[in-house]
Protein backbone atom coordinates (compact mmCIF):
# COMPACT_ATOMS: atom_id res chain seq x y z
CA MET A 1 8.73 -11.25 -4.49
CA ARG A 2 6.58 -8.51 -3.02
CA LEU A 3 7.45 -5.29 -4.84
CA ALA A 4 6.30 -1.82 -3.80
CA THR A 5 6.70 1.70 -5.13
CA TRP A 6 6.24 4.82 -3.04
CA ASN A 7 6.88 8.50 -3.59
CA VAL A 8 7.92 9.20 -0.01
CA ASN A 9 8.27 12.99 -0.40
CA SER A 10 11.50 13.22 1.67
CA ILE A 11 12.92 10.01 3.08
CA ARG A 12 14.64 11.78 5.96
CA ALA A 13 11.30 13.21 7.13
CA ARG A 14 9.51 9.87 6.75
CA VAL A 15 12.12 7.20 7.32
CA VAL A 16 10.38 5.71 10.36
CA ARG A 17 7.01 5.18 8.71
CA THR A 18 8.66 4.05 5.46
CA VAL A 19 10.67 1.32 7.17
CA GLU A 20 7.75 0.37 9.40
CA PHE A 21 5.57 -0.05 6.33
CA ALA A 22 8.16 -2.19 4.54
CA VAL A 23 8.55 -4.49 7.54
CA ARG A 24 4.84 -4.67 8.42
CA GLU A 25 3.79 -5.43 4.84
CA ASN A 26 6.66 -7.86 4.24
CA ILE A 27 8.01 -5.87 1.30
CA ASP A 28 10.97 -7.50 -0.46
CA VAL A 29 11.76 -4.63 -2.83
CA LEU A 30 10.76 -1.02 -2.22
CA ALA A 31 11.31 1.56 -4.97
CA MET A 32 11.20 5.12 -3.63
CA GLN A 33 10.88 8.48 -5.34
CA GLU A 34 11.39 12.06 -4.20
CA ILE A 35 13.88 11.03 -1.55
CA LYS A 36 15.10 14.67 -1.58
CA CYS A 37 18.65 13.98 -0.46
CA LYS A 38 22.10 13.07 -1.69
CA PRO A 39 23.26 9.45 -1.21
CA GLU A 40 25.50 10.44 1.68
CA GLN A 41 22.45 11.91 3.45
CA PHE A 42 20.24 8.85 3.03
CA PRO A 43 19.22 7.13 6.32
CA TYR A 44 20.75 3.77 5.41
CA GLU A 45 21.06 2.53 8.99
CA ALA A 46 17.32 2.29 9.60
CA PHE A 47 16.87 0.17 6.46
CA GLU A 48 19.92 -1.99 7.13
CA GLU A 49 18.75 -2.72 10.66
CA ALA A 50 15.50 -3.97 9.12
CA GLY A 51 17.39 -6.28 6.76
CA TYR A 52 17.51 -4.22 3.57
CA HIS A 53 20.25 -3.37 1.11
CA VAL A 54 19.86 0.14 -0.32
CA GLU A 55 20.95 1.98 -3.45
CA ALA A 56 20.20 5.70 -3.62
CA HIS A 57 20.61 8.32 -6.32
CA GLY A 58 20.21 11.98 -5.47
CA LEU A 59 22.02 15.12 -6.54
CA ASN A 60 20.53 17.77 -4.25
CA GLN A 61 17.47 18.44 -2.10
CA TRP A 62 15.11 17.86 -5.04
CA ASN A 63 13.96 14.71 -6.82
CA GLY A 64 16.02 11.60 -6.02
CA VAL A 65 15.24 7.89 -6.25
CA ALA A 66 16.20 4.80 -4.27
CA ILE A 67 15.70 1.04 -4.08
CA ALA A 68 15.69 -1.04 -0.90
CA SER A 69 15.86 -4.82 -1.21
CA ARG A 70 16.15 -7.82 1.04
CA GLU A 71 18.12 -9.57 -1.70
CA PRO A 72 21.39 -8.24 -3.14
CA ILE A 73 21.11 -5.36 -5.61
CA THR A 74 23.22 -5.73 -8.76
CA GLU A 75 23.70 -4.10 -12.17
CA VAL A 76 22.91 -0.63 -10.84
CA GLU A 77 22.26 2.15 -13.39
CA TYR A 78 21.67 5.83 -12.67
CA ALA A 79 20.03 6.73 -15.99
CA PHE A 80 18.53 4.92 -18.96
CA PRO A 81 20.10 5.49 -22.40
CA ASP A 82 19.56 8.96 -23.86
CA MET A 83 17.71 10.18 -20.78
CA PRO A 84 17.47 13.95 -21.26
CA GLY A 85 18.45 16.55 -18.72
CA PHE A 86 16.91 19.85 -17.73
CA LEU A 87 18.01 23.23 -16.51
CA LYS A 88 15.72 26.24 -16.74
CA GLY A 89 17.02 28.60 -19.38
CA HIS A 90 19.41 26.01 -20.76
CA GLU A 91 18.70 24.73 -24.25
CA GLY A 92 20.40 21.86 -26.03
CA PRO A 93 21.27 18.20 -25.52
CA ASP A 94 23.89 18.84 -22.84
CA ALA A 95 21.47 19.95 -20.10
CA PRO A 96 22.40 18.27 -16.81
CA GLN A 97 20.54 15.10 -15.94
CA GLU A 98 18.39 15.02 -12.83
CA ALA A 99 18.18 12.18 -10.32
CA ARG A 100 15.00 10.66 -11.69
CA ALA A 101 15.89 7.07 -12.61
CA LEU A 102 17.59 4.21 -10.80
CA GLY A 103 17.75 0.75 -12.32
CA ALA A 104 18.90 -2.48 -10.73
CA THR A 105 18.59 -6.23 -11.03
CA ILE A 106 17.19 -8.09 -8.03
CA ASP A 107 16.73 -11.86 -8.07
CA GLY A 108 16.54 -11.84 -11.86
CA VAL A 109 14.05 -8.94 -12.12
CA LYS A 110 15.11 -5.64 -13.69
CA VAL A 111 13.53 -2.86 -11.64
CA TRP A 112 13.55 0.85 -12.43
CA SER A 113 12.51 3.37 -9.78
CA LEU A 114 11.30 6.35 -11.81
CA TYR A 115 10.25 9.88 -10.96
CA VAL A 116 8.85 11.26 -14.20
CA PRO A 117 9.10 15.05 -14.60
CA ASN A 118 5.99 16.94 -13.49
CA GLY A 119 5.65 19.18 -16.52
CA ARG A 120 4.61 22.18 -14.40
CA GLY A 121 2.43 23.84 -17.06
CA LEU A 122 1.29 23.14 -20.59
CA ASP A 123 3.35 26.05 -21.92
CA ASP A 124 6.34 25.51 -19.62
CA PRO A 125 9.69 24.21 -20.95
CA HIS A 126 9.38 21.51 -18.31
CA PHE A 127 6.40 20.09 -20.19
CA ALA A 128 8.46 19.58 -23.36
CA TYR A 129 11.17 18.05 -21.17
CA LYS A 130 8.63 15.65 -19.69
CA LEU A 131 7.52 14.45 -23.12
CA HIS A 132 11.13 14.10 -24.29
CA TRP A 133 11.98 12.15 -21.14
CA LEU A 134 9.07 9.78 -21.66
CA GLU A 135 9.98 9.24 -25.31
CA ALA A 136 13.51 8.24 -24.31
CA LEU A 137 12.03 5.85 -21.73
CA ARG A 138 9.80 4.33 -24.40
CA ALA A 139 12.76 3.87 -26.74
CA TYR A 140 14.75 2.19 -23.97
CA THR A 141 11.84 -0.10 -23.13
CA GLN A 142 11.22 -1.09 -26.72
CA SER A 143 14.88 -1.81 -27.50
CA THR A 144 15.41 -3.70 -24.25
CA LEU A 145 12.42 -5.98 -24.76
CA ALA A 146 13.28 -6.51 -28.42
CA ALA A 147 16.73 -7.74 -27.35
CA GLN A 148 15.46 -9.67 -24.28
CA PRO A 149 11.79 -10.55 -24.80
CA GLY A 150 11.78 -12.87 -21.80
CA LEU A 151 13.18 -10.29 -19.37
CA PRO A 152 11.08 -9.62 -16.25
CA LEU A 153 11.23 -5.81 -16.46
CA ALA A 154 9.37 -3.45 -14.13
CA LEU A 155 9.13 0.30 -14.56
CA VAL A 156 7.71 1.57 -11.29
CA GLY A 157 7.21 4.92 -9.67
CA ASP A 158 5.53 8.30 -9.93
CA PHE A 159 4.66 8.88 -13.59
CA ASN A 160 2.87 12.20 -13.04
CA ILE A 161 0.18 11.13 -15.53
CA ALA A 162 -3.43 10.10 -14.95
CA PRO A 163 -3.85 7.99 -18.10
CA THR A 164 -7.66 7.81 -18.11
CA ASP A 165 -10.52 9.91 -16.77
CA ALA A 166 -11.13 7.19 -14.18
CA ASP A 167 -7.68 7.97 -12.77
CA ASN A 168 -8.53 11.62 -12.11
CA GLY A 169 -10.72 12.61 -9.19
CA ASP A 170 -9.21 16.07 -8.64
CA PRO A 171 -11.53 18.81 -9.95
CA THR A 172 -8.58 21.19 -10.39
CA VAL A 173 -6.84 18.86 -12.86
CA VAL A 174 -8.51 19.65 -16.16
CA GLU A 175 -7.59 18.75 -19.72
CA GLY A 176 -6.47 21.81 -21.64
CA VAL A 177 -5.72 23.67 -18.41
CA THR A 178 -3.29 21.58 -16.39
CA THR A 179 -0.69 18.90 -16.86
CA HIS A 180 -1.12 15.18 -16.03
CA VAL A 181 -4.21 14.70 -18.23
CA SER A 182 -3.21 16.26 -21.56
CA PRO A 183 -3.57 14.20 -24.73
CA GLU A 184 0.20 14.39 -25.22
CA GLU A 185 0.95 12.96 -21.78
CA ARG A 186 -1.65 10.25 -22.09
CA ALA A 187 -0.30 9.31 -25.53
CA ALA A 188 3.20 9.09 -24.04
CA PHE A 189 1.91 6.76 -21.33
CA GLN A 190 0.13 4.63 -23.93
CA SER A 191 3.36 4.42 -25.92
CA LEU A 192 4.98 2.67 -22.96
CA LEU A 193 2.21 0.08 -23.01
CA ASP A 194 2.56 -0.27 -26.77
CA ALA A 195 6.29 -0.88 -26.26
CA GLY A 196 5.47 -4.06 -24.35
CA LEU A 197 4.44 -3.05 -20.83
CA THR A 198 1.28 -3.77 -18.85
CA ASP A 199 -0.34 -1.88 -15.98
CA THR A 200 -0.14 -4.76 -13.52
CA VAL A 201 -2.26 -3.18 -10.78
CA ARG A 202 -5.52 -1.95 -12.31
CA PRO A 203 -6.79 -5.37 -13.43
CA LEU A 204 -6.62 -6.50 -9.79
CA VAL A 205 -7.49 -3.18 -8.10
CA PRO A 206 -10.19 -1.61 -10.29
CA THR A 207 -10.60 1.61 -8.27
CA GLY A 208 -8.52 3.89 -6.11
CA TYR A 209 -6.08 6.78 -6.31
CA THR A 210 -2.43 6.98 -5.26
CA TYR A 211 -1.98 10.73 -4.70
CA TRP A 212 -3.95 13.49 -2.98
CA ASP A 213 -2.78 17.09 -2.83
CA TYR A 214 -2.17 18.43 0.68
CA LYS A 215 -4.39 21.45 -0.05
CA GLN A 216 -8.17 21.99 -0.06
CA LEU A 217 -9.02 18.82 1.90
CA ARG A 218 -8.30 16.72 -1.19
CA PHE A 219 -7.76 13.52 0.82
CA PRO A 220 -10.89 13.66 3.03
CA ARG A 221 -12.89 14.41 -0.10
CA ASN A 222 -11.11 11.62 -1.98
CA GLU A 223 -10.22 14.03 -4.77
CA GLY A 224 -7.10 12.20 -5.85
CA LEU A 225 -5.16 11.01 -8.84
CA ARG A 226 -3.77 7.64 -9.82
CA ILE A 227 -0.29 8.57 -11.01
CA ASP A 228 1.88 5.87 -9.39
CA PHE A 229 2.29 2.66 -11.37
CA ILE A 230 3.96 -0.71 -11.63
CA LEU A 231 4.33 -1.36 -15.34
CA GLY A 232 5.72 -4.75 -16.26
CA SER A 233 6.92 -6.63 -19.31
CA ALA A 234 5.04 -9.76 -20.33
CA ALA A 235 7.46 -11.94 -18.35
CA PHE A 236 6.87 -9.78 -15.27
CA ALA A 237 3.12 -9.24 -15.68
CA ASP A 238 2.48 -12.96 -16.17
CA GLY A 239 3.90 -13.55 -12.71
CA VAL A 240 1.77 -10.99 -10.86
CA VAL A 241 -0.63 -12.79 -8.54
CA GLY A 242 -1.81 -9.93 -6.35
CA ALA A 243 -1.85 -6.15 -6.05
CA SER A 244 -2.87 -3.45 -3.58
CA ILE A 245 -2.98 0.32 -3.09
CA HIS A 246 -2.32 1.26 0.53
CA ARG A 247 -4.63 4.25 0.96
CA ASP A 248 -4.29 4.34 4.76
CA GLU A 249 -0.66 5.45 4.44
CA ARG A 250 -2.04 8.88 3.51
CA LYS A 251 -3.36 9.12 7.06
CA GLY A 252 -1.55 9.76 10.33
CA GLU A 253 1.37 12.00 11.19
CA ILE A 254 3.42 13.67 8.44
CA PRO A 255 2.16 11.46 5.61
CA SER A 256 3.48 11.66 2.10
CA ASP A 257 0.99 12.98 -0.43
CA HIS A 258 1.40 9.63 -2.24
CA VAL A 259 0.69 6.10 -1.00
CA PRO A 260 2.45 2.79 -1.70
CA VAL A 261 1.43 0.57 -4.59
CA VAL A 262 2.29 -3.13 -4.21
CA VAL A 263 2.33 -6.26 -6.36
CA ASP A 264 3.04 -9.86 -5.47
CA LEU A 265 5.17 -11.64 -8.03
CA ASP A 266 5.56 -15.38 -8.58
CA LEU A 267 8.05 -16.35 -11.26
CA GLY A 268 8.41 -19.87 -9.94
CA GLY A 269 7.74 -21.65 -13.24
CA GLU A 270 7.13 -25.23 -12.13
CA ASP A 271 5.13 -24.01 -9.15
CA ASP A 272 2.73 -21.90 -11.23
CA ASP A 273 -0.19 -24.23 -10.45
CA ASP A 274 0.23 -23.37 -6.76
CA ARG A 275 -0.43 -19.64 -7.26
CA PRO A 276 -3.32 -18.27 -5.17
CA MET A 277 -6.52 -17.55 -7.05
CA ILE A 278 -7.50 -13.91 -7.49
CA PHE A 279 -11.15 -12.97 -7.10
């Protein structure tokens, strides 16, 4: 399986290059974030003509997640357990959920397309929401893997966290001043790893960012952030035989401000000795 994640920043604006990328790079499963549309507005036809099944979850023109797959998509979920909601000015546990999580099983792999809340500012209610959201995700991950330790589980998407200083090349993103690099956010990211997940890309791709702001020539200056991840359980991570960050997708006409992140997965068992060597 070749699995990719991409914050497309409006699928209707970028459907052509999204589908072209999936076909050109032989992507089997593409998790998308920030689709910015309701399911009835999603451009299914372009994906279906290219041989993909699609599940989409969106509530309005903001946020939204989707999964496209060459194989059938089953066991679809639109939120993980206890996923909090958010509405500015609304306090309490009954805040409406946003379209930030879509889970599905594809060929035995449980995949979640996730768009983690941004946080907005260190003193913004959205920041507390972000940390609460991540804690619920950690609890789901830990309980799921405790019940099914052999499950190939992948949490993929835009996490809106640069977990180490090496993941931050943007001079405007500063600890103590902005989100994405605060100790609280980095601790929340680490808690996901402690719950049984592995960053499956960095060991194979030791450098590179996945996001560059549209402003201030951030991309030409390579002042980016690595905030898009493919985190996998042990059963998933053990099958990863390749990875790539597709920086060139930030170029060209109407690019997203994020680029695709891809892993190649081999869960063949008896054929493990035939996996390609990684150098």
